[in-house]
Amino acid sequence: MLNAGRERVILMPEGVDIERLRERGVWLAEVCKAEGFRFSPQLHVDLWGAGRGV
């Protein structure tokens, strides 16, 4: 156990394509709001795609 406060936990949806990330991001954002976690999208996938090294 890290003893980190919920406000310090950041969750990010898993996926390699924009559609899946958006789909999972919708429900994950709701979980974050309900549980007091922070949410971070995978912005690099939106900007540059899911290729290696981006």
N, C-alpha and C. Protein backbone atom coordinates (compact mmCIF):
# COMPACT_ATOMS: atom_id res chain seq x y z
N MET A 1 0.84 -1.19 0.00
CA MET A 1 0.00 0.00 0.00
C MET A 1 0.88 1.24 0.00
N LEU A 2 0.60 2.15 -0.88
CA LEU A 2 1.40 3.36 -0.99
C LEU A 2 0.96 4.48 -0.06
N ASN A 3 -0.23 4.37 0.49
CA ASN A 3 -0.78 5.41 1.36
C ASN A 3 -0.92 6.75 0.65
N ALA A 4 -1.15 6.71 -0.66
CA ALA A 4 -1.38 7.94 -1.44
C ALA A 4 -2.86 8.29 -1.36
N GLY A 5 -3.16 9.57 -1.25
CA GLY A 5 -4.55 10.01 -1.24
C GLY A 5 -5.19 9.80 -2.60
N ARG A 6 -6.49 9.61 -2.60
CA ARG A 6 -7.22 9.38 -3.86
C ARG A 6 -6.99 10.51 -4.85
N GLU A 7 -6.84 11.73 -4.38
CA GLU A 7 -6.63 12.87 -5.28
C GLU A 7 -5.28 12.84 -5.98
N ARG A 8 -4.39 11.95 -5.56
CA ARG A 8 -3.08 11.82 -6.19
C ARG A 8 -3.01 10.67 -7.19
N VAL A 9 -4.08 9.87 -7.25
CA VAL A 9 -4.14 8.73 -8.17
C VAL A 9 -4.67 9.22 -9.51
N ILE A 10 -3.97 8.91 -10.60
CA ILE A 10 -4.38 9.31 -11.95
C ILE A 10 -4.64 8.04 -12.76
N LEU A 11 -5.85 7.93 -13.31
CA LEU A 11 -6.21 6.78 -14.13
C LEU A 11 -6.28 7.20 -15.59
N MET A 12 -5.89 6.28 -16.48
CA MET A 12 -5.84 6.54 -17.91
C MET A 12 -6.47 5.34 -18.62
N PRO A 13 -7.35 5.57 -19.60
CA PRO A 13 -7.95 4.44 -20.32
C PRO A 13 -6.89 3.69 -21.12
N GLU A 14 -7.09 2.39 -21.27
CA GLU A 14 -6.17 1.55 -22.03
C GLU A 14 -6.72 1.37 -23.43
N GLY A 15 -5.85 1.38 -24.42
CA GLY A 15 -6.24 1.16 -25.79
C GLY A 15 -5.23 1.76 -26.74
N VAL A 16 -5.32 1.36 -28.01
CA VAL A 16 -4.36 1.86 -29.00
C VAL A 16 -5.05 2.56 -30.16
N ASP A 17 -6.38 2.62 -30.15
CA ASP A 17 -7.05 3.38 -31.21
C ASP A 17 -7.99 4.39 -30.56
N ILE A 18 -8.21 5.47 -31.29
CA ILE A 18 -8.97 6.59 -30.74
C ILE A 18 -10.37 6.18 -30.31
N GLU A 19 -11.05 5.38 -31.10
CA GLU A 19 -12.41 4.97 -30.79
C GLU A 19 -12.48 4.21 -29.46
N ARG A 20 -11.59 3.26 -29.28
CA ARG A 20 -11.59 2.48 -28.03
C ARG A 20 -11.23 3.36 -26.84
N LEU A 21 -10.27 4.26 -27.01
CA LEU A 21 -9.89 5.15 -25.91
C LEU A 21 -11.05 6.06 -25.51
N ARG A 22 -11.78 6.56 -26.47
CA ARG A 22 -12.93 7.42 -26.15
C ARG A 22 -14.03 6.62 -25.45
N GLU A 23 -14.29 5.43 -25.96
CA GLU A 23 -15.31 4.57 -25.36
C GLU A 23 -14.96 4.25 -23.90
N ARG A 24 -13.75 3.85 -23.66
CA ARG A 24 -13.33 3.51 -22.30
C ARG A 24 -13.16 4.76 -21.44
N GLY A 25 -12.75 5.85 -22.07
CA GLY A 25 -12.56 7.09 -21.32
C GLY A 25 -13.85 7.63 -20.73
N VAL A 26 -14.96 7.44 -21.43
CA VAL A 26 -16.26 7.93 -20.94
C VAL A 26 -16.60 7.29 -19.60
N TRP A 27 -16.54 5.96 -19.54
CA TRP A 27 -16.92 5.33 -18.28
C TRP A 27 -15.84 5.49 -17.22
N LEU A 28 -14.56 5.53 -17.63
CA LEU A 28 -13.49 5.70 -16.66
C LEU A 28 -13.54 7.08 -16.02
N ALA A 29 -13.90 8.10 -16.79
CA ALA A 29 -14.03 9.45 -16.23
C ALA A 29 -15.12 9.48 -15.17
N GLU A 30 -16.20 8.75 -15.40
CA GLU A 30 -17.28 8.68 -14.40
C GLU A 30 -16.81 7.99 -13.12
N VAL A 31 -16.02 6.92 -13.28
CA VAL A 31 -15.45 6.23 -12.12
C VAL A 31 -14.55 7.19 -11.33
N CYS A 32 -13.73 7.93 -12.06
CA CYS A 32 -12.83 8.89 -11.40
C CYS A 32 -13.61 9.93 -10.61
N LYS A 33 -14.66 10.46 -11.20
CA LYS A 33 -15.48 11.44 -10.48
C LYS A 33 -16.10 10.84 -9.23
N ALA A 34 -16.63 9.64 -9.36
CA ALA A 34 -17.30 8.99 -8.23
C ALA A 34 -16.34 8.61 -7.11
N GLU A 35 -15.11 8.23 -7.47
CA GLU A 35 -14.16 7.72 -6.48
C GLU A 35 -13.12 8.75 -6.03
N GLY A 36 -13.11 9.92 -6.67
CA GLY A 36 -12.17 10.95 -6.27
C GLY A 36 -10.78 10.81 -6.88
N PHE A 37 -10.67 10.04 -7.96
CA PHE A 37 -9.40 9.90 -8.67
C PHE A 37 -9.30 10.98 -9.74
N ARG A 38 -8.11 11.17 -10.27
CA ARG A 38 -7.90 12.08 -11.38
C ARG A 38 -7.92 11.27 -12.68
N PHE A 39 -8.25 11.93 -13.79
CA PHE A 39 -8.36 11.27 -15.08
C PHE A 39 -7.39 11.92 -16.06
N SER A 40 -6.74 11.11 -16.87
CA SER A 40 -5.86 11.62 -17.91
C SER A 40 -6.12 10.86 -19.20
N PRO A 41 -6.46 11.56 -20.28
CA PRO A 41 -6.62 10.87 -21.56
C PRO A 41 -5.24 10.58 -22.15
N GLN A 42 -5.19 9.75 -23.14
CA GLN A 42 -3.93 9.49 -23.84
C GLN A 42 -3.86 10.46 -25.01
N LEU A 43 -3.55 11.70 -24.70
CA LEU A 43 -3.54 12.77 -25.69
C LEU A 43 -2.59 12.49 -26.85
N HIS A 44 -1.48 11.82 -26.57
CA HIS A 44 -0.52 11.53 -27.63
C HIS A 44 -1.13 10.67 -28.74
N VAL A 45 -2.07 9.78 -28.39
CA VAL A 45 -2.73 8.95 -29.41
C VAL A 45 -3.64 9.83 -30.27
N ASP A 46 -4.34 10.78 -29.66
CA ASP A 46 -5.18 11.70 -30.43
C ASP A 46 -4.34 12.55 -31.37
N LEU A 47 -3.19 13.00 -30.90
CA LEU A 47 -2.37 13.91 -31.69
C LEU A 47 -1.56 13.21 -32.77
N TRP A 48 -0.93 12.08 -32.44
CA TRP A 48 0.03 11.46 -33.35
C TRP A 48 -0.27 10.01 -33.71
N GLY A 49 -1.33 9.45 -33.19
CA GLY A 49 -1.63 8.06 -33.46
C GLY A 49 -0.93 7.13 -32.48
N ALA A 50 -1.09 5.85 -32.71
CA ALA A 50 -0.61 4.85 -31.75
C ALA A 50 0.71 4.19 -32.17
N GLY A 51 1.44 4.78 -33.07
CA GLY A 51 2.70 4.19 -33.51
C GLY A 51 3.75 4.19 -32.41
N ARG A 52 4.72 3.32 -32.53
CA ARG A 52 5.81 3.26 -31.55
C ARG A 52 6.64 4.54 -31.61
N GLY A 53 7.07 4.96 -30.44
CA GLY A 53 7.98 6.10 -30.35
C GLY A 53 7.32 7.46 -30.37
N VAL A 54 5.99 7.50 -30.26
CA VAL A 54 5.33 8.81 -30.24
C VAL A 54 4.89 9.16 -28.85
